[in-house]
Amino acid sequence: MPEVVKNVDIVVTATGNKGVLTRENMDKLKNGAIVCNMGHSNTEIDVMALKTQDLTWEKVRTQVREIARSQSCQRWCT
């Protein structure tokens, strides 16, 4: 996964497994990348690791959040 995420615009998880997309993976994503989970569980994307002071969350619409780094222009949409 670490080699792939830096080259893609959209990441969709649908495995049902835990920890598919980690904070380490998210840090390597391109600016403006879109991340979504198609499964019924909320464990594939490590959301808790993204709730830190260096990231700001903004609600775009229902169930859509933009996450931005405080010290750079890197943004992700989940």
PDB file of N, CA and C in Angstrom:
ATOM      1  N   MET A   1       0.809  -1.198   0.000  1.00  0.00           N
ATOM      2  CA  MET A   1       0.000   0.000   0.000  1.00  0.00           C
ATOM      3  C   MET A   1       0.858   1.270   0.000  1.00  0.00           C
ATOM      4  N   PRO A   2       1.938   1.358   0.782  1.00  0.00           N
ATOM      5  CA  PRO A   2       2.717   2.602   0.814  1.00  0.00           C
ATOM      6  C   PRO A   2       3.254   3.035  -0.557  1.00  0.00           C
ATOM      7  N   GLU A   3       3.571   2.085  -1.419  1.00  0.00           N
ATOM      8  CA  GLU A   3       4.098   2.425  -2.732  1.00  0.00           C
ATOM      9  C   GLU A   3       2.992   2.902  -3.664  1.00  0.00           C
ATOM     10  N   VAL A   4       1.783   2.420  -3.450  1.00  0.00           N
ATOM     11  CA  VAL A   4       0.661   2.721  -4.345  1.00  0.00           C
ATOM     12  C   VAL A   4       0.024   4.068  -4.023  1.00  0.00           C
ATOM     13  N   VAL A   5      -0.188   4.370  -2.744  1.00  0.00           N
ATOM     14  CA  VAL A   5      -0.983   5.545  -2.375  1.00  0.00           C
ATOM     15  C   VAL A   5      -0.392   6.861  -2.868  1.00  0.00           C
ATOM     16  N   LYS A   6       0.888   6.954  -3.049  1.00  0.00           N
ATOM     17  CA  LYS A   6       1.474   8.222  -3.490  1.00  0.00           C
ATOM     18  C   LYS A   6       1.210   8.522  -4.962  1.00  0.00           C
ATOM     19  N   ASN A   7       0.646   7.556  -5.693  1.00  0.00           N
ATOM     20  CA  ASN A   7       0.404   7.718  -7.119  1.00  0.00           C
ATOM     21  C   ASN A   7      -1.072   7.782  -7.509  1.00  0.00           C
ATOM     22  N   VAL A   8      -1.977   7.649  -6.570  1.00  0.00           N
ATOM     23  CA  VAL A   8      -3.398   7.567  -6.913  1.00  0.00           C
ATOM     24  C   VAL A   8      -4.159   8.826  -6.482  1.00  0.00           C
ATOM     25  N   ASP A   9      -5.290   9.051  -7.148  1.00  0.00           N
ATOM     26  CA  ASP A   9      -6.152  10.184  -6.814  1.00  0.00           C
ATOM     27  C   ASP A   9      -7.305   9.776  -5.908  1.00  0.00           C
ATOM     28  N   ILE A  10      -7.709   8.499  -5.989  1.00  0.00           N
ATOM     29  CA  ILE A  10      -8.839   8.005  -5.210  1.00  0.00           C
ATOM     30  C   ILE A  10      -8.467   6.666  -4.575  1.00  0.00           C
ATOM     31  N   VAL A  11      -8.791   6.526  -3.281  1.00  0.00           N
ATOM     32  CA  VAL A  11      -8.588   5.263  -2.577  1.00  0.00           C
ATOM     33  C   VAL A  11      -9.952   4.821  -2.053  1.00  0.00           C
ATOM     34  N   VAL A  12     -10.379   3.631  -2.461  1.00  0.00           N
ATOM     35  CA  VAL A  12     -11.651   3.066  -2.002  1.00  0.00           C
ATOM     36  C   VAL A  12     -11.337   1.760  -1.283  1.00  0.00           C
ATOM     37  N   THR A  13     -11.772   1.658  -0.030  1.00  0.00           N
ATOM     38  CA  THR A  13     -11.572   0.414   0.704  1.00  0.00           C
ATOM     39  C   THR A  13     -12.892  -0.341   0.752  1.00  0.00           C
ATOM     40  N   ALA A  14     -12.811  -1.629   0.555  1.00  0.00           N
ATOM     41  CA  ALA A  14     -14.015  -2.476   0.573  1.00  0.00           C
ATOM     42  C   ALA A  14     -13.653  -3.895   1.017  1.00  0.00           C
ATOM     43  N   THR A  15     -12.696  -4.004   1.905  1.00  0.00           N
ATOM     44  CA  THR A  15     -12.191  -5.315   2.292  1.00  0.00           C
ATOM     45  C   THR A  15     -12.862  -5.891   3.528  1.00  0.00           C
ATOM     46  N   GLY A  16     -13.286  -5.027   4.455  1.00  0.00           N
ATOM     47  CA  GLY A  16     -13.803  -5.493   5.733  1.00  0.00           C
ATOM     48  C   GLY A  16     -12.702  -5.779   6.732  1.00  0.00           C
ATOM     49  N   ASN A  17     -11.450  -5.550   6.339  1.00  0.00           N
ATOM     50  CA  ASN A  17     -10.312  -5.780   7.226  1.00  0.00           C
ATOM     51  C   ASN A  17      -9.983  -4.530   8.026  1.00  0.00           C
ATOM     52  N   LYS A  18      -9.237  -4.708   9.083  1.00  0.00           N
ATOM     53  CA  LYS A  18      -8.857  -3.605   9.956  1.00  0.00           C
ATOM     54  C   LYS A  18      -7.518  -3.016   9.510  1.00  0.00           C
ATOM     55  N   GLY A  19      -7.402  -1.686   9.539  1.00  0.00           N
ATOM     56  CA  GLY A  19      -6.132  -1.020   9.288  1.00  0.00           C
ATOM     57  C   GLY A  19      -5.632  -1.085   7.856  1.00  0.00           C
ATOM     58  N   VAL A  20      -6.523  -1.094   6.891  1.00  0.00           N
ATOM     59  CA  VAL A  20      -6.110  -1.148   5.490  1.00  0.00           C
ATOM     60  C   VAL A  20      -5.395   0.139   5.092  1.00  0.00           C
ATOM     61  N   LEU A  21      -5.935   1.280   5.512  1.00  0.00           N
ATOM     62  CA  LEU A  21      -5.335   2.576   5.218  1.00  0.00           C
ATOM     63  C   LEU A  21      -4.923   3.226   6.535  1.00  0.00           C
ATOM     64  N   THR A  22      -3.636   3.307   6.787  1.00  0.00           N
ATOM     65  CA  THR A  22      -3.104   3.826   8.041  1.00  0.00           C
ATOM     66  C   THR A  22      -2.742   5.303   7.904  1.00  0.00           C
ATOM     67  N   ARG A  23      -2.403   5.930   9.010  1.00  0.00           N
ATOM     68  CA  ARG A  23      -1.963   7.331   8.978  1.00  0.00           C
ATOM     69  C   ARG A  23      -0.696   7.449   8.129  1.00  0.00           C
ATOM     70  N   GLU A  24       0.193   6.486   8.234  1.00  0.00           N
ATOM     71  CA  GLU A  24       1.412   6.488   7.419  1.00  0.00           C
ATOM     72  C   GLU A  24       1.064   6.511   5.929  1.00  0.00           C
ATOM     73  N   ASN A  25       0.068   5.719   5.538  1.00  0.00           N
ATOM     74  CA  ASN A  25      -0.389   5.730   4.148  1.00  0.00           C
ATOM     75  C   ASN A  25      -0.987   7.078   3.780  1.00  0.00           C
ATOM     76  N   MET A  26      -1.823   7.622   4.661  1.00  0.00           N
ATOM     77  CA  MET A  26      -2.480   8.906   4.393  1.00  0.00           C
ATOM     78  C   MET A  26      -1.462  10.026   4.206  1.00  0.00           C
ATOM     79  N   ASP A  27      -0.381   9.977   4.979  1.00  0.00           N
ATOM     80  CA  ASP A  27       0.654  11.006   4.862  1.00  0.00           C
ATOM     81  C   ASP A  27       1.324  11.004   3.491  1.00  0.00           C
ATOM     82  N   LYS A  28       1.236   9.894   2.776  1.00  0.00           N
ATOM     83  CA  LYS A  28       1.865   9.778   1.459  1.00  0.00           C
ATOM     84  C   LYS A  28       0.908  10.096   0.304  1.00  0.00           C
ATOM     85  N   LEU A  29      -0.360  10.314   0.617  1.00  0.00           N
ATOM     86  CA  LEU A  29      -1.340  10.603  -0.422  1.00  0.00           C
ATOM     87  C   LEU A  29      -1.055  11.929  -1.124  1.00  0.00           C
ATOM     88  N   LYS A  30      -1.478  12.022  -2.374  1.00  0.00           N
ATOM     89  CA  LYS A  30      -1.358  13.257  -3.125  1.00  0.00           C
ATOM     90  C   LYS A  30      -2.302  14.302  -2.545  1.00  0.00           C
ATOM     91  N   ASN A  31      -1.965  15.572  -2.731  1.00  0.00           N
ATOM     92  CA  ASN A  31      -2.843  16.656  -2.327  1.00  0.00           C
ATOM     93  C   ASN A  31      -4.167  16.531  -3.076  1.00  0.00           C
ATOM     94  N   GLY A  32      -5.277  16.615  -2.353  1.00  0.00           N
ATOM     95  CA  GLY A  32      -6.591  16.529  -2.964  1.00  0.00           C
ATOM     96  C   GLY A  32      -7.108  15.126  -3.180  1.00  0.00           C
ATOM     97  N   ALA A  33      -6.391  14.122  -2.709  1.00  0.00           N
ATOM     98  CA  ALA A  33      -6.836  12.736  -2.883  1.00  0.00           C
ATOM     99  C   ALA A  33      -8.171  12.506  -2.177  1.00  0.00           C
ATOM    100  N   ILE A  34      -8.944  11.610  -2.719  1.00  0.00           N
ATOM    101  CA  ILE A  34     -10.242  11.254  -2.149  1.00  0.00           C
ATOM    102  C   ILE A  34     -10.130   9.850  -1.555  1.00  0.00           C
ATOM    103  N   VAL A  35     -10.620   9.707  -0.320  1.00  0.00           N
ATOM    104  CA  VAL A  35     -10.574   8.433   0.383  1.00  0.00           C
ATOM    105  C   VAL A  35     -11.990   8.073   0.801  1.00  0.00           C
ATOM    106  N   CYS A  36     -12.404   6.839   0.536  1.00  0.00           N
ATOM    107  CA  CYS A  36     -13.726   6.424   1.009  1.00  0.00           C
ATOM    108  C   CYS A  36     -13.726   4.944   1.369  1.00  0.00           C
ATOM    109  N   ASN A  37     -14.658   4.604   2.241  1.00  0.00           N
ATOM    110  CA  ASN A  37     -14.841   3.223   2.684  1.00  0.00           C
ATOM    111  C   ASN A  37     -16.205   2.757   2.204  1.00  0.00           C
ATOM    112  N   MET A  38     -16.236   1.731   1.401  1.00  0.00           N
ATOM    113  CA  MET A  38     -17.489   1.198   0.868  1.00  0.00           C
ATOM    114  C   MET A  38     -18.086   0.123   1.774  1.00  0.00           C
ATOM    115  N   GLY A  39     -17.337  -0.310   2.756  1.00  0.00           N
ATOM    116  CA  GLY A  39     -17.812  -1.361   3.648  1.00  0.00           C
ATOM    117  C   GLY A  39     -18.749  -0.819   4.721  1.00  0.00           C
ATOM    118  N   HIS A  40     -19.265  -1.713   5.533  1.00  0.00           N
ATOM    119  CA  HIS A  40     -20.182  -1.323   6.598  1.00  0.00           C
ATOM    120  C   HIS A  40     -19.459  -1.063   7.919  1.00  0.00           C
ATOM    121  N   SER A  41     -18.190  -1.371   7.980  1.00  0.00           N
ATOM    122  CA  SER A  41     -17.441  -1.125   9.222  1.00  0.00           C
ATOM    123  C   SER A  41     -16.560   0.107   9.045  1.00  0.00           C
ATOM    124  N   ASN A  42     -16.191   0.692  10.159  1.00  0.00           N
ATOM    125  CA  ASN A  42     -15.382   1.904  10.134  1.00  0.00           C
ATOM    126  C   ASN A  42     -13.969   1.593  10.616  1.00  0.00           C
ATOM    127  N   THR A  43     -13.454   0.430  10.261  1.00  0.00           N
ATOM    128  CA  THR A  43     -12.143   0.033  10.755  1.00  0.00           C
ATOM    129  C   THR A  43     -11.073   0.003   9.679  1.00  0.00           C
ATOM    130  N   GLU A  44     -11.460   0.057   8.426  1.00  0.00           N
ATOM    131  CA  GLU A  44     -10.483  -0.037   7.348  1.00  0.00           C
ATOM    132  C   GLU A  44      -9.580   1.190   7.280  1.00  0.00           C
ATOM    133  N   ILE A  45     -10.151   2.360   7.503  1.00  0.00           N
ATOM    134  CA  ILE A  45      -9.390   3.615   7.520  1.00  0.00           C
ATOM    135  C   ILE A  45      -9.159   3.975   8.986  1.00  0.00           C
ATOM    136  N   ASP A  46      -7.917   4.214   9.354  1.00  0.00           N
ATOM    137  CA  ASP A  46      -7.573   4.530  10.742  1.00  0.00           C
ATOM    138  C   ASP A  46      -7.920   5.992  11.044  1.00  0.00           C
ATOM    139  N   VAL A  47      -9.212   6.249  11.220  1.00  0.00           N
ATOM    140  CA  VAL A  47      -9.706   7.606  11.430  1.00  0.00           C
ATOM    141  C   VAL A  47      -9.161   8.206  12.723  1.00  0.00           C
ATOM    142  N   MET A  48      -9.051   7.416  13.767  1.00  0.00           N
ATOM    143  CA  MET A  48      -8.564   7.943  15.053  1.00  0.00           C
ATOM    144  C   MET A  48      -7.146   8.496  14.934  1.00  0.00           C
ATOM    145  N   ALA A  49      -6.328   7.922  14.073  1.00  0.00           N
ATOM    146  CA  ALA A  49      -4.966   8.420  13.886  1.00  0.00           C
ATOM    147  C   ALA A  49      -4.953   9.757  13.148  1.00  0.00           C
ATOM    148  N   LEU A  50      -6.076  10.124  12.546  1.00  0.00           N
ATOM    149  CA  LEU A  50      -6.173  11.390  11.827  1.00  0.00           C
ATOM    150  C   LEU A  50      -6.744  12.505  12.691  1.00  0.00           C
ATOM    151  N   LYS A  51      -7.152  12.180  13.895  1.00  0.00           N
ATOM    152  CA  LYS A  51      -7.722  13.189  14.792  1.00  0.00           C
ATOM    153  C   LYS A  51      -6.620  13.725  15.698  1.00  0.00           C
ATOM    154  N   THR A  52      -5.723  14.494  15.090  1.00  0.00           N
ATOM    155  CA  THR A  52      -4.590  15.072  15.810  1.00  0.00           C
ATOM    156  C   THR A  52      -4.570  16.582  15.584  1.00  0.00           C
ATOM    157  N   GLN A  53      -3.772  17.279  16.367  1.00  0.00           N
ATOM    158  CA  GLN A  53      -3.724  18.739  16.284  1.00  0.00           C
ATOM    159  C   GLN A  53      -3.108  19.251  14.991  1.00  0.00           C
ATOM    160  N   ASP A  54      -2.328  18.444  14.303  1.00  0.00           N
ATOM    161  CA  ASP A  54      -1.715  18.916  13.063  1.00  0.00           C
ATOM    162  C   ASP A  54      -2.656  18.812  11.860  1.00  0.00           C
ATOM    163  N   LEU A  55      -3.847  18.245  12.074  1.00  0.00           N
ATOM    164  CA  LEU A  55      -4.828  18.131  10.997  1.00  0.00           C
ATOM    165  C   LEU A  55      -6.119  18.836  11.393  1.00  0.00           C
ATOM    166  N   THR A  56      -6.716  19.538  10.447  1.00  0.00           N
ATOM    167  CA  THR A  56      -8.010  20.171  10.704  1.00  0.00           C
ATOM    168  C   THR A  56      -9.068  19.492   9.846  1.00  0.00           C
ATOM    169  N   TRP A  57     -10.243  19.328  10.421  1.00  0.00           N
ATOM    170  CA  TRP A  57     -11.358  18.669   9.742  1.00  0.00           C
ATOM    171  C   TRP A  57     -12.424  19.712   9.451  1.00  0.00           C
ATOM    172  N   GLU A  58     -12.938  19.707   8.233  1.00  0.00           N
ATOM    173  CA  GLU A  58     -14.017  20.607   7.863  1.00  0.00           C
ATOM    174  C   GLU A  58     -15.123  19.790   7.191  1.00  0.00           C
ATOM    175  N   LYS A  59     -16.348  19.975   7.672  1.00  0.00           N
ATOM    176  CA  LYS A  59     -17.479  19.262   7.082  1.00  0.00           C
ATOM    177  C   LYS A  59     -17.820  19.917   5.744  1.00  0.00           C
ATOM    178  N   VAL A  60     -17.810  19.125   4.688  1.00  0.00           N
ATOM    179  CA  VAL A  60     -18.149  19.608   3.355  1.00  0.00           C
ATOM    180  C   VAL A  60     -19.644  19.416   3.121  1.00  0.00           C
ATOM    181  N   ARG A  61     -20.145  18.238   3.459  1.00  0.00           N
ATOM    182  CA  ARG A  61     -21.570  17.915   3.445  1.00  0.00           C
ATOM    183  C   ARG A  61     -21.753  16.649   4.282  1.00  0.00           C
ATOM    184  N   THR A  62     -22.945  16.119   4.361  1.00  0.00           N
ATOM    185  CA  THR A  62     -23.210  14.939   5.178  1.00  0.00           C
ATOM    186  C   THR A  62     -22.253  13.804   4.803  1.00  0.00           C
ATOM    187  N   GLN A  63     -21.561  13.292   5.788  1.00  0.00           N
ATOM    188  CA  GLN A  63     -20.605  12.185   5.670  1.00  0.00           C
ATOM    189  C   GLN A  63     -19.414  12.477   4.756  1.00  0.00           C
ATOM    190  N   VAL A  64     -19.142  13.748   4.505  1.00  0.00           N
ATOM    191  CA  VAL A  64     -17.966  14.124   3.711  1.00  0.00           C
ATOM    192  C   VAL A  64     -17.180  15.158   4.504  1.00  0.00           C
ATOM    193  N   ARG A  65     -15.918  14.861   4.750  1.00  0.00           N
ATOM    194  CA  ARG A  65     -15.039  15.756   5.493  1.00  0.00           C
ATOM    195  C   ARG A  65     -13.776  16.023   4.680  1.00  0.00           C
ATOM    196  N   GLU A  66     -13.309  17.253   4.768  1.00  0.00           N
ATOM    197  CA  GLU A  66     -12.011  17.575   4.183  1.00  0.00           C
ATOM    198  C   GLU A  66     -11.019  17.672   5.333  1.00  0.00           C
ATOM    199  N   ILE A  67      -9.899  17.013   5.183  1.00  0.00           N
ATOM    200  CA  ILE A  67      -8.863  17.016   6.210  1.00  0.00           C
ATOM    201  C   ILE A  67      -7.660  17.755   5.643  1.00  0.00           C
ATOM    202  N   ALA A  68      -7.171  18.748   6.382  1.00  0.00           N
ATOM    203  CA  ALA A  68      -6.049  19.550   5.898  1.00  0.00           C
ATOM    204  C   ALA A  68      -4.925  19.548   6.920  1.00  0.00           C
ATOM    205  N   ARG A  69      -3.716  19.541   6.413  1.00  0.00           N
ATOM    206  CA  ARG A  69      -2.537  19.673   7.276  1.00  0.00           C
ATOM    207  C   ARG A  69      -2.355  21.137   7.638  1.00  0.00           C
ATOM    208  N   SER A  70      -2.048  21.404   8.875  1.00  0.00           N
ATOM    209  CA  SER A  70      -1.851  22.776   9.334  1.00  0.00           C
ATOM    210  C   SER A  70      -0.602  23.414   8.738  1.00  0.00           C
ATOM    211  N   GLN A  71       0.453  22.644   8.537  1.00  0.00           N
ATOM    212  CA  GLN A  71       1.739  23.191   8.103  1.00  0.00           C
ATOM    213  C   GLN A  71       2.007  23.037   6.608  1.00  0.00           C
ATOM    214  N   SER A  72       1.014  22.604   5.820  1.00  0.00           N
ATOM    215  CA  SER A  72       1.235  22.482   4.383  1.00  0.00           C
ATOM    216  C   SER A  72      -0.092  22.657   3.667  1.00  0.00           C
ATOM    217  N   CYS A  73      -0.065  22.566   2.364  1.00  0.00           N
ATOM    218  CA  CYS A  73      -1.321  22.670   1.617  1.00  0.00           C
ATOM    219  C   CYS A  73      -1.907  21.310   1.274  1.00  0.00           C
ATOM    220  N   GLN A  74      -1.444  20.273   1.915  1.00  0.00           N
ATOM    221  CA  GLN A  74      -1.967  18.936   1.617  1.00  0.00           C
ATOM    222  C   GLN A  74      -3.367  18.785   2.198  1.00  0.00           C
ATOM    223  N   ARG A  75      -4.306  18.330   1.358  1.00  0.00           N
ATOM    224  CA  ARG A  75      -5.696  18.132   1.772  1.00  0.00           C
ATOM    225  C   ARG A  75      -6.188  16.794   1.263  1.00  0.00           C
ATOM    226  N   TRP A  76      -7.050  16.154   2.054  1.00  0.00           N
ATOM    227  CA  TRP A  76      -7.687  14.910   1.646  1.00  0.00           C
ATOM    228  C   TRP A  76      -9.168  15.072   1.880  1.00  0.00           C
ATOM    229  N   CYS A  77      -9.955  14.382   1.144  1.00  0.00           N
ATOM    230  CA  CYS A  77     -11.390  14.376   1.339  1.00  0.00           C
ATOM    231  C   CYS A  77     -11.819  12.960   1.678  1.00  0.00           C
ATOM    232  N   THR A  78     -12.514  12.796   2.819  1.00  0.00           N
ATOM    233  CA  THR A  78     -12.959  11.463   3.217  1.00  0.00           C
ATOM    234  C   THR A  78     -14.462  11.420   3.284  1.00  0.00           C
TER     235      THR A  78
END
